[in-house]
Amino acid sequence: MTRENDFLTLLDTHKGILHKISKMYMASPEDQQDLLQEIIYQLWKSYPTFSNQSKFSTWMYRVALNTAITFFKKEKRKPLTTPSFPENILSEESDTPSHELKLSLFYMAVQHLEKIEKALIFYHLENYTHKEISLQLGISEVNARVKLNRAKNKLKELIKNYGYEF
């Protein structure tokens, strides 16, 4: 298999990572697609440096998150405005909101988090331990735990402001 085929196979296996990161860092589908393309470009450009000392997915997370943060800064995106919601989003739904509604609310709320909070939430969703998160972000394990709890609480508040109660 060629280097290009290896890369495409690995990329396809872990493409969910890229979609999650692009949704967490960019609000509009167009911006998400732009970021996704930039991440793939940076991964390909960096692929020769991947030395198999860690899992490909771990290396991919690092490159993708660093690219997302850099892309976000470089583009100097306009501040997000709160999307318009019905007075009570639950009144339009049954007692249990659909999975898509929950995901939509989640991603809208994530857009309002700071970049480090987004990274913490992302790693948490990927089932990283506090220790693994701390190593990835270069902070202490205690700091990772505290910041993650604060980010989760902030996320809950943001979603609550959209009319959904936990």
N, C-alpha and C. Protein backbone atom coordinates (compact mmCIF):
# COMPACT_ATOMS: atom_id res chain seq x y z
N MET A 1 0.84 -1.18 0.00
CA MET A 1 0.00 0.00 0.00
C MET A 1 0.89 1.25 0.00
N THR A 2 0.47 2.25 -0.69
CA THR A 2 1.26 3.48 -0.75
C THR A 2 1.00 4.33 0.49
N ARG A 3 1.88 5.29 0.68
CA ARG A 3 1.73 6.23 1.80
C ARG A 3 0.38 6.95 1.73
N GLU A 4 -0.01 7.34 0.53
CA GLU A 4 -1.28 8.04 0.33
C GLU A 4 -2.46 7.14 0.70
N ASN A 5 -2.42 5.89 0.28
CA ASN A 5 -3.50 4.96 0.62
C ASN A 5 -3.57 4.70 2.13
N ASP A 6 -2.41 4.57 2.77
CA ASP A 6 -2.36 4.40 4.22
C ASP A 6 -3.05 5.58 4.90
N PHE A 7 -2.67 6.77 4.47
CA PHE A 7 -3.22 7.99 5.05
C PHE A 7 -4.74 8.04 4.87
N LEU A 8 -5.21 7.78 3.65
CA LEU A 8 -6.65 7.84 3.37
C LEU A 8 -7.43 6.80 4.16
N THR A 9 -6.85 5.63 4.35
CA THR A 9 -7.49 4.59 5.15
C THR A 9 -7.61 5.02 6.61
N LEU A 10 -6.52 5.55 7.15
CA LEU A 10 -6.53 6.02 8.54
C LEU A 10 -7.50 7.19 8.71
N LEU A 11 -7.50 8.09 7.75
CA LEU A 11 -8.39 9.25 7.79
C LEU A 11 -9.84 8.80 7.77
N ASP A 12 -10.16 7.85 6.91
CA ASP A 12 -11.52 7.35 6.82
C ASP A 12 -11.95 6.65 8.12
N THR A 13 -11.04 5.92 8.72
CA THR A 13 -11.33 5.22 9.97
C THR A 13 -11.67 6.18 11.10
N HIS A 14 -11.01 7.34 11.11
CA HIS A 14 -11.16 8.29 12.22
C HIS A 14 -11.83 9.58 11.81
N LYS A 15 -12.61 9.59 10.74
CA LYS A 15 -13.21 10.82 10.23
C LYS A 15 -14.20 11.47 11.21
N GLY A 16 -14.77 10.67 12.10
CA GLY A 16 -15.70 11.22 13.09
C GLY A 16 -15.05 12.27 13.97
N ILE A 17 -13.78 12.08 14.27
CA ILE A 17 -13.02 13.04 15.07
C ILE A 17 -13.04 14.40 14.39
N LEU A 18 -12.78 14.40 13.11
CA LEU A 18 -12.69 15.65 12.35
C LEU A 18 -14.03 16.38 12.30
N HIS A 19 -15.10 15.63 12.13
CA HIS A 19 -16.43 16.24 12.08
C HIS A 19 -16.81 16.85 13.43
N LYS A 20 -16.49 16.15 14.50
CA LYS A 20 -16.79 16.68 15.84
C LYS A 20 -16.03 17.98 16.09
N ILE A 21 -14.76 17.98 15.77
CA ILE A 21 -13.95 19.18 16.01
C ILE A 21 -14.46 20.34 15.17
N SER A 22 -14.76 20.10 13.91
CA SER A 22 -15.22 21.21 13.07
C SER A 22 -16.56 21.76 13.57
N LYS A 23 -17.43 20.90 14.07
CA LYS A 23 -18.71 21.37 14.61
C LYS A 23 -18.53 22.12 15.92
N MET A 24 -17.52 21.73 16.69
CA MET A 24 -17.30 22.39 17.98
C MET A 24 -16.67 23.77 17.82
N TYR A 25 -15.89 23.97 16.78
CA TYR A 25 -15.17 25.23 16.64
C TYR A 25 -15.82 26.20 15.66
N MET A 26 -16.68 25.76 14.78
CA MET A 26 -17.30 26.63 13.81
C MET A 26 -18.81 26.46 13.83
N ALA A 27 -19.52 27.58 13.68
CA ALA A 27 -20.97 27.55 13.78
C ALA A 27 -21.66 27.20 12.46
N SER A 28 -21.25 27.83 11.38
CA SER A 28 -21.96 27.62 10.12
C SER A 28 -21.42 26.41 9.38
N PRO A 29 -22.27 25.75 8.61
CA PRO A 29 -21.81 24.59 7.84
C PRO A 29 -20.66 24.93 6.88
N GLU A 30 -20.69 26.14 6.32
CA GLU A 30 -19.62 26.55 5.41
C GLU A 30 -18.29 26.65 6.15
N ASP A 31 -18.31 27.27 7.32
CA ASP A 31 -17.09 27.39 8.12
C ASP A 31 -16.61 26.03 8.60
N GLN A 32 -17.56 25.16 8.94
CA GLN A 32 -17.21 23.81 9.36
C GLN A 32 -16.50 23.07 8.23
N GLN A 33 -17.01 23.22 7.02
CA GLN A 33 -16.40 22.57 5.87
C GLN A 33 -15.01 23.13 5.59
N ASP A 34 -14.87 24.46 5.70
CA ASP A 34 -13.56 25.09 5.51
C ASP A 34 -12.55 24.56 6.52
N LEU A 35 -12.98 24.49 7.78
CA LEU A 35 -12.09 23.99 8.83
C LEU A 35 -11.74 22.52 8.58
N LEU A 36 -12.72 21.74 8.20
CA LEU A 36 -12.49 20.32 7.92
C LEU A 36 -11.43 20.16 6.83
N GLN A 37 -11.54 20.94 5.78
CA GLN A 37 -10.55 20.88 4.70
C GLN A 37 -9.17 21.31 5.18
N GLU A 38 -9.13 22.35 6.01
CA GLU A 38 -7.85 22.82 6.54
C GLU A 38 -7.21 21.76 7.43
N ILE A 39 -8.01 21.09 8.24
CA ILE A 39 -7.49 20.03 9.11
C ILE A 39 -6.92 18.89 8.26
N ILE A 40 -7.66 18.47 7.25
CA ILE A 40 -7.19 17.38 6.39
C ILE A 40 -5.88 17.79 5.70
N TYR A 41 -5.83 19.02 5.24
CA TYR A 41 -4.60 19.52 4.60
C TYR A 41 -3.43 19.46 5.58
N GLN A 42 -3.65 19.95 6.81
CA GLN A 42 -2.58 19.96 7.81
C GLN A 42 -2.17 18.54 8.22
N LEU A 43 -3.15 17.64 8.28
CA LEU A 43 -2.83 16.24 8.59
C LEU A 43 -1.96 15.64 7.49
N TRP A 44 -2.32 15.88 6.25
CA TRP A 44 -1.54 15.35 5.13
C TRP A 44 -0.13 15.94 5.12
N LYS A 45 -0.06 17.26 5.35
CA LYS A 45 1.23 17.94 5.36
C LYS A 45 2.12 17.40 6.49
N SER A 46 1.50 17.07 7.62
CA SER A 46 2.24 16.59 8.80
C SER A 46 2.44 15.08 8.82
N TYR A 47 1.75 14.37 7.96
CA TYR A 47 1.77 12.91 7.99
C TYR A 47 3.19 12.32 7.95
N PRO A 48 4.11 12.89 7.19
CA PRO A 48 5.47 12.32 7.20
C PRO A 48 6.13 12.36 8.58
N THR A 49 5.67 13.24 9.46
CA THR A 49 6.26 13.33 10.80
C THR A 49 5.63 12.33 11.77
N PHE A 50 4.52 11.70 11.38
CA PHE A 50 3.88 10.72 12.25
C PHE A 50 4.79 9.51 12.35
N SER A 51 5.22 9.20 13.57
CA SER A 51 6.24 8.17 13.75
C SER A 51 5.74 6.88 14.39
N ASN A 52 4.44 6.72 14.53
CA ASN A 52 3.85 5.52 15.15
C ASN A 52 4.27 5.33 16.61
N GLN A 53 4.76 6.37 17.26
CA GLN A 53 5.07 6.25 18.69
C GLN A 53 3.81 6.33 19.53
N SER A 54 2.77 6.91 18.95
CA SER A 54 1.46 6.95 19.60
C SER A 54 0.44 6.43 18.59
N LYS A 55 -0.79 6.26 19.05
CA LYS A 55 -1.83 5.83 18.12
C LYS A 55 -2.08 6.95 17.11
N PHE A 56 -2.49 6.58 15.92
CA PHE A 56 -2.79 7.57 14.88
C PHE A 56 -3.87 8.52 15.38
N SER A 57 -4.90 7.99 16.03
CA SER A 57 -6.00 8.84 16.49
C SER A 57 -5.52 9.89 17.49
N THR A 58 -4.59 9.55 18.35
CA THR A 58 -4.04 10.51 19.32
C THR A 58 -3.30 11.62 18.59
N TRP A 59 -2.47 11.25 17.64
CA TRP A 59 -1.75 12.22 16.83
C TRP A 59 -2.73 13.10 16.05
N MET A 60 -3.76 12.46 15.51
CA MET A 60 -4.77 13.18 14.73
C MET A 60 -5.50 14.21 15.59
N TYR A 61 -5.88 13.83 16.83
CA TYR A 61 -6.52 14.77 17.74
C TYR A 61 -5.67 16.02 17.91
N ARG A 62 -4.40 15.81 18.18
CA ARG A 62 -3.49 16.93 18.43
C ARG A 62 -3.41 17.87 17.24
N VAL A 63 -3.18 17.30 16.08
CA VAL A 63 -3.06 18.12 14.87
C VAL A 63 -4.38 18.83 14.59
N ALA A 64 -5.49 18.11 14.71
CA ALA A 64 -6.80 18.68 14.41
C ALA A 64 -7.16 19.81 15.39
N LEU A 65 -6.93 19.59 16.67
CA LEU A 65 -7.25 20.64 17.65
C LEU A 65 -6.35 21.86 17.46
N ASN A 66 -5.07 21.64 17.25
CA ASN A 66 -4.16 22.76 17.02
C ASN A 66 -4.55 23.53 15.77
N THR A 67 -4.93 22.82 14.73
CA THR A 67 -5.37 23.47 13.48
C THR A 67 -6.65 24.27 13.72
N ALA A 68 -7.59 23.68 14.45
CA ALA A 68 -8.86 24.37 14.73
C ALA A 68 -8.62 25.66 15.50
N ILE A 69 -7.77 25.60 16.50
CA ILE A 69 -7.48 26.79 17.31
C ILE A 69 -6.79 27.86 16.46
N THR A 70 -5.81 27.45 15.68
CA THR A 70 -5.10 28.38 14.81
C THR A 70 -6.03 28.96 13.75
N PHE A 71 -6.82 28.11 13.14
CA PHE A 71 -7.77 28.53 12.11
C PHE A 71 -8.74 29.55 12.68
N PHE A 72 -9.24 29.28 13.87
CA PHE A 72 -10.20 30.16 14.52
C PHE A 72 -9.58 31.54 14.78
N LYS A 73 -8.34 31.55 15.27
CA LYS A 73 -7.65 32.81 15.54
C LYS A 73 -7.35 33.55 14.24
N LYS A 74 -6.82 32.82 13.27
CA LYS A 74 -6.37 33.43 12.02
C LYS A 74 -7.53 34.06 11.27
N GLU A 75 -8.66 33.41 11.27
CA GLU A 75 -9.82 33.91 10.54
C GLU A 75 -10.51 35.07 11.25
N LYS A 76 -10.20 35.24 12.55
CA LYS A 76 -10.82 36.30 13.35
C LYS A 76 -12.33 36.36 13.09
N ARG A 77 -12.95 35.26 13.37
CA ARG A 77 -14.39 35.14 13.15
C ARG A 77 -15.16 36.17 13.95
N LYS A 78 -16.31 36.57 13.38
CA LYS A 78 -17.19 37.49 14.09
C LYS A 78 -17.69 36.81 15.35
N PRO A 79 -17.96 37.59 16.40
CA PRO A 79 -18.51 36.97 17.60
C PRO A 79 -19.86 36.33 17.26
N LEU A 80 -20.10 35.21 17.89
CA LEU A 80 -21.35 34.51 17.64
C LEU A 80 -22.51 35.24 18.28
N THR A 81 -23.62 35.24 17.58
CA THR A 81 -24.84 35.77 18.17
C THR A 81 -25.69 34.59 18.56
N THR A 82 -26.51 34.78 19.55
CA THR A 82 -27.37 33.68 19.99
C THR A 82 -28.40 33.41 18.91
N PRO A 83 -28.51 32.18 18.45
CA PRO A 83 -29.49 31.87 17.43
C PRO A 83 -30.89 32.07 17.98
N SER A 84 -31.81 32.39 17.09
CA SER A 84 -33.17 32.62 17.57
C SER A 84 -33.84 31.28 17.84
N PHE A 85 -34.48 31.20 18.97
CA PHE A 85 -35.18 29.99 19.38
C PHE A 85 -36.62 30.36 19.71
N PRO A 86 -37.52 29.39 19.60
CA PRO A 86 -38.87 29.65 20.08
C PRO A 86 -38.81 29.91 21.58
N GLU A 87 -39.83 30.54 22.12
CA GLU A 87 -39.85 30.86 23.55
C GLU A 87 -39.50 29.65 24.40
N ASN A 88 -40.11 28.53 24.13
CA ASN A 88 -39.77 27.32 24.85
C ASN A 88 -39.64 26.19 23.85
N ILE A 89 -38.44 25.82 23.59
CA ILE A 89 -38.15 24.82 22.57
C ILE A 89 -38.84 23.49 22.85
N LEU A 90 -39.09 23.20 24.11
CA LEU A 90 -39.72 21.93 24.47
C LEU A 90 -41.20 21.89 24.13
N SER A 91 -41.83 23.05 24.04
CA SER A 91 -43.26 23.05 23.76
C SER A 91 -43.55 22.55 22.34
N GLU A 92 -42.56 22.61 21.47
CA GLU A 92 -42.75 22.14 20.10
C GLU A 92 -42.45 20.66 19.96
N GLU A 93 -41.88 20.07 20.96
CA GLU A 93 -41.47 18.68 20.90
C GLU A 93 -42.31 17.84 21.87
N SER A 94 -42.13 16.55 21.76
CA SER A 94 -42.77 15.67 22.73
C SER A 94 -42.02 15.79 24.05
N ASP A 95 -42.37 14.97 25.02
CA ASP A 95 -41.73 15.04 26.33
C ASP A 95 -40.22 14.82 26.25
N THR A 96 -39.78 14.00 25.30
CA THR A 96 -38.36 13.71 25.16
C THR A 96 -37.87 14.28 23.83
N PRO A 97 -37.00 15.29 23.88
CA PRO A 97 -36.49 15.85 22.62
C PRO A 97 -35.74 14.79 21.83
N SER A 98 -35.79 14.91 20.53
CA SER A 98 -35.10 13.93 19.68
C SER A 98 -33.60 14.04 19.85
N HIS A 99 -32.93 13.00 19.44
CA HIS A 99 -31.47 12.97 19.50
C HIS A 99 -30.88 14.11 18.67
N GLU A 100 -31.44 14.38 17.51
CA GLU A 100 -30.94 15.45 16.65
C GLU A 100 -31.09 16.81 17.32
N LEU A 101 -32.19 17.02 18.01
CA LEU A 101 -32.40 18.29 18.71
C LEU A 101 -31.36 18.45 19.81
N LYS A 102 -31.12 17.38 20.56
CA LYS A 102 -30.11 17.43 21.61
C LYS A 102 -28.74 17.76 21.04
N LEU A 103 -28.38 17.10 19.94
CA LEU A 103 -27.09 17.37 19.31
C LEU A 103 -27.00 18.80 18.81
N SER A 104 -28.08 19.27 18.22
CA SER A 104 -28.11 20.64 17.71
C SER A 104 -27.92 21.65 18.85
N LEU A 105 -28.63 21.45 19.94
CA LEU A 105 -28.48 22.32 21.10
C LEU A 105 -27.07 22.26 21.66
N PHE A 106 -26.54 21.04 21.73
CA PHE A 106 -25.19 20.85 22.25
C PHE A 106 -24.18 21.63 21.41
N TYR A 107 -24.22 21.45 20.09
CA TYR A 107 -23.24 22.12 19.24
C TYR A 107 -23.42 23.64 19.24
N MET A 108 -24.66 24.11 19.34
CA MET A 108 -24.87 25.56 19.43
C MET A 108 -24.27 26.10 20.72
N ALA A 109 -24.45 25.37 21.81
CA ALA A 109 -23.91 25.81 23.10
C ALA A 109 -22.39 25.77 23.09
N VAL A 110 -21.83 24.73 22.50
CA VAL A 110 -20.37 24.58 22.44
C VAL A 110 -19.73 25.77 21.72
N GLN A 111 -20.43 26.34 20.75
CA GLN A 111 -19.88 27.48 20.01
C GLN A 111 -19.55 28.66 20.93
N HIS A 112 -20.19 28.72 22.08
CA HIS A 112 -19.99 29.83 23.01
C HIS A 112 -18.91 29.57 24.06
N LEU A 113 -18.29 28.40 24.02
CA LEU A 113 -17.23 28.08 24.96
C LEU A 113 -15.90 28.65 24.47
N GLU A 114 -14.97 28.84 25.41
CA GLU A 114 -13.61 29.24 25.05
C GLU A 114 -12.91 28.06 24.39
N LYS A 115 -11.85 28.33 23.65
CA LYS A 115 -11.18 27.25 22.89
C LYS A 115 -10.66 26.13 23.79
N ILE A 116 -10.15 26.45 24.95
CA ILE A 116 -9.65 25.40 25.85
C ILE A 116 -10.82 24.58 26.39
N GLU A 117 -11.96 25.25 26.64
CA GLU A 117 -13.15 24.53 27.12
C GLU A 117 -13.65 23.57 26.05
N LYS A 118 -13.60 24.00 24.80
CA LYS A 118 -14.02 23.12 23.70
C LYS A 118 -13.13 21.89 23.64
N ALA A 119 -11.83 22.10 23.78
CA ALA A 119 -10.90 20.97 23.75
C ALA A 119 -11.17 20.02 24.91
N LEU A 120 -11.40 20.56 26.09
CA LEU A 120 -11.69 19.73 27.26
C LEU A 120 -12.95 18.89 27.04
N ILE A 121 -14.01 19.53 26.55
CA ILE A 121 -15.27 18.83 26.29
C ILE A 121 -15.06 17.76 25.23
N PHE A 122 -14.32 18.10 24.20
CA PHE A 122 -14.05 17.13 23.13
C PHE A 122 -13.34 15.89 23.67
N TYR A 123 -12.27 16.10 24.41
CA TYR A 123 -11.53 14.96 24.96
C TYR A 123 -12.41 14.16 25.92
N HIS A 124 -13.24 14.84 26.70
CA HIS A 124 -14.14 14.15 27.62
C HIS A 124 -15.12 13.27 26.83
N LEU A 125 -15.66 13.81 25.75
CA LEU A 125 -16.59 13.03 24.92
C LEU A 125 -15.92 11.84 24.27
N GLU A 126 -14.63 11.93 24.08
CA GLU A 126 -13.88 10.82 23.50
C GLU A 126 -13.37 9.85 24.57
N ASN A 127 -13.87 10.02 25.80
CA ASN A 127 -13.56 9.13 26.93
C ASN A 127 -12.09 9.16 27.37
N TYR A 128 -11.46 10.29 27.21
CA TYR A 128 -10.11 10.44 27.74
C TYR A 128 -10.21 10.59 29.25
N THR A 129 -9.25 10.06 29.97
CA THR A 129 -9.20 10.23 31.42
C THR A 129 -8.69 11.65 31.72
N HIS A 130 -8.83 12.08 32.96
CA HIS A 130 -8.31 13.39 33.35
C HIS A 130 -6.80 13.44 33.12
N LYS A 131 -6.14 12.36 33.40
CA LYS A 131 -4.70 12.30 33.20
C LYS A 131 -4.34 12.45 31.71
N GLU A 132 -5.06 11.73 30.85
CA GLU A 132 -4.81 11.83 29.41
C GLU A 132 -5.11 13.23 28.89
N ILE A 133 -6.18 13.83 29.39
CA ILE A 133 -6.53 15.20 28.98
C ILE A 133 -5.41 16.15 29.40
N SER A 134 -4.93 15.99 30.62
CA SER A 134 -3.88 16.88 31.11
C SER A 134 -2.62 16.75 30.27
N LEU A 135 -2.28 15.54 29.86
CA LEU A 135 -1.10 15.33 29.03
C LEU A 135 -1.28 15.95 27.64
N GLN A 136 -2.46 15.81 27.10
CA GLN A 136 -2.73 16.36 25.76
C GLN A 136 -2.69 17.89 25.76
N LEU A 137 -3.19 18.50 26.84
CA LEU A 137 -3.29 19.96 26.88
C LEU A 137 -2.13 20.63 27.63
N GLY A 138 -1.28 19.82 28.23
CA GLY A 138 -0.13 20.39 28.93
C GLY A 138 -0.49 21.13 30.20
N ILE A 139 -1.50 20.60 30.92
CA ILE A 139 -1.91 21.19 32.20
C ILE A 139 -1.90 20.07 33.24
N SER A 140 -2.01 20.44 34.51
CA SER A 140 -2.01 19.41 35.55
C SER A 140 -3.32 18.63 35.52
N GLU A 141 -3.28 17.44 36.08
CA GLU A 141 -4.48 16.61 36.12
C GLU A 141 -5.59 17.27 36.93
N VAL A 142 -5.22 17.88 38.04
CA VAL A 142 -6.21 18.58 38.88
C VAL A 142 -6.82 19.74 38.10
N ASN A 143 -5.97 20.49 37.40
CA ASN A 143 -6.45 21.61 36.60
C ASN A 143 -7.39 21.13 35.49
N ALA A 144 -7.07 20.01 34.87
CA ALA A 144 -7.92 19.44 33.83
C ALA A 144 -9.29 19.08 34.41
N ARG A 145 -9.29 18.47 35.59
CA ARG A 145 -10.54 18.07 36.24
C ARG A 145 -11.40 19.30 36.57
N VAL A 146 -10.77 20.31 37.15
CA VAL A 146 -11.50 21.53 37.54
C VAL A 146 -12.05 22.25 36.31
N LYS A 147 -11.18 22.45 35.32
CA LYS A 147 -11.60 23.15 34.10
C LYS A 147 -12.69 22.39 33.36
N LEU A 148 -12.60 21.06 33.35
CA LEU A 148 -13.62 20.26 32.69
C LEU A 148 -14.96 20.41 33.40
N ASN A 149 -14.96 20.35 34.73
CA ASN A 149 -16.21 20.52 35.47
C ASN A 149 -16.81 21.90 35.23
N ARG A 150 -15.99 22.92 35.19
CA ARG A 150 -16.48 24.28 34.91
C ARG A 150 -17.05 24.36 33.50
N ALA A 151 -16.37 23.75 32.55
CA ALA A 151 -16.84 23.77 31.16
C ALA A 151 -18.17 23.04 31.03
N LYS A 152 -18.30 21.90 31.72
CA LYS A 152 -19.57 21.16 31.66
C LYS A 152 -20.70 21.98 32.28
N ASN A 153 -20.43 22.65 33.39
CA ASN A 153 -21.45 23.49 34.03
C ASN A 153 -21.84 24.65 33.13
N LYS A 154 -20.86 25.25 32.50
CA LYS A 154 -21.12 26.36 31.58
C LYS A 154 -21.98 25.87 30.41
N LEU A 155 -21.66 24.70 29.90
CA LEU A 155 -22.41 24.11 28.80
C LEU A 155 -23.86 23.85 29.21
N LYS A 156 -24.05 23.32 30.42
CA LYS A 156 -25.40 23.08 30.92
C LYS A 156 -26.20 24.38 31.00
N GLU A 157 -25.55 25.43 31.48
CA GLU A 157 -26.22 26.74 31.59
C GLU A 157 -26.59 27.28 30.21
N LEU A 158 -25.70 27.15 29.27
CA LEU A 158 -25.98 27.63 27.92
C LEU A 158 -27.17 26.88 27.32
N ILE A 159 -27.18 25.56 27.50
CA ILE A 159 -28.29 24.77 26.95
C ILE A 159 -29.58 25.12 27.68
N LYS A 160 -29.50 25.34 28.97
CA LYS A 160 -30.66 25.74 29.76
C LYS A 160 -31.21 27.06 29.23
N ASN A 161 -30.33 27.98 28.84
CA ASN A 161 -30.77 29.25 28.29
C ASN A 161 -31.51 29.09 26.98
N TYR A 162 -31.28 27.98 26.30
CA TYR A 162 -32.00 27.69 25.05
C TYR A 162 -33.37 27.08 25.32
N GLY A 163 -33.69 26.85 26.59
CA GLY A 163 -35.01 26.34 26.94
C GLY A 163 -35.07 24.85 27.21
N TYR A 164 -33.93 24.22 27.30
CA TYR A 164 -33.91 22.78 27.57
C TYR A 164 -33.38 22.56 28.97
N GLU A 165 -34.10 21.84 29.80
CA GLU A 165 -33.68 21.54 31.17
C GLU A 165 -33.10 20.14 31.23
N PHE A 166 -32.07 19.96 32.06
CA PHE A 166 -31.48 18.65 32.27
C PHE A 166 -32.25 17.89 33.31
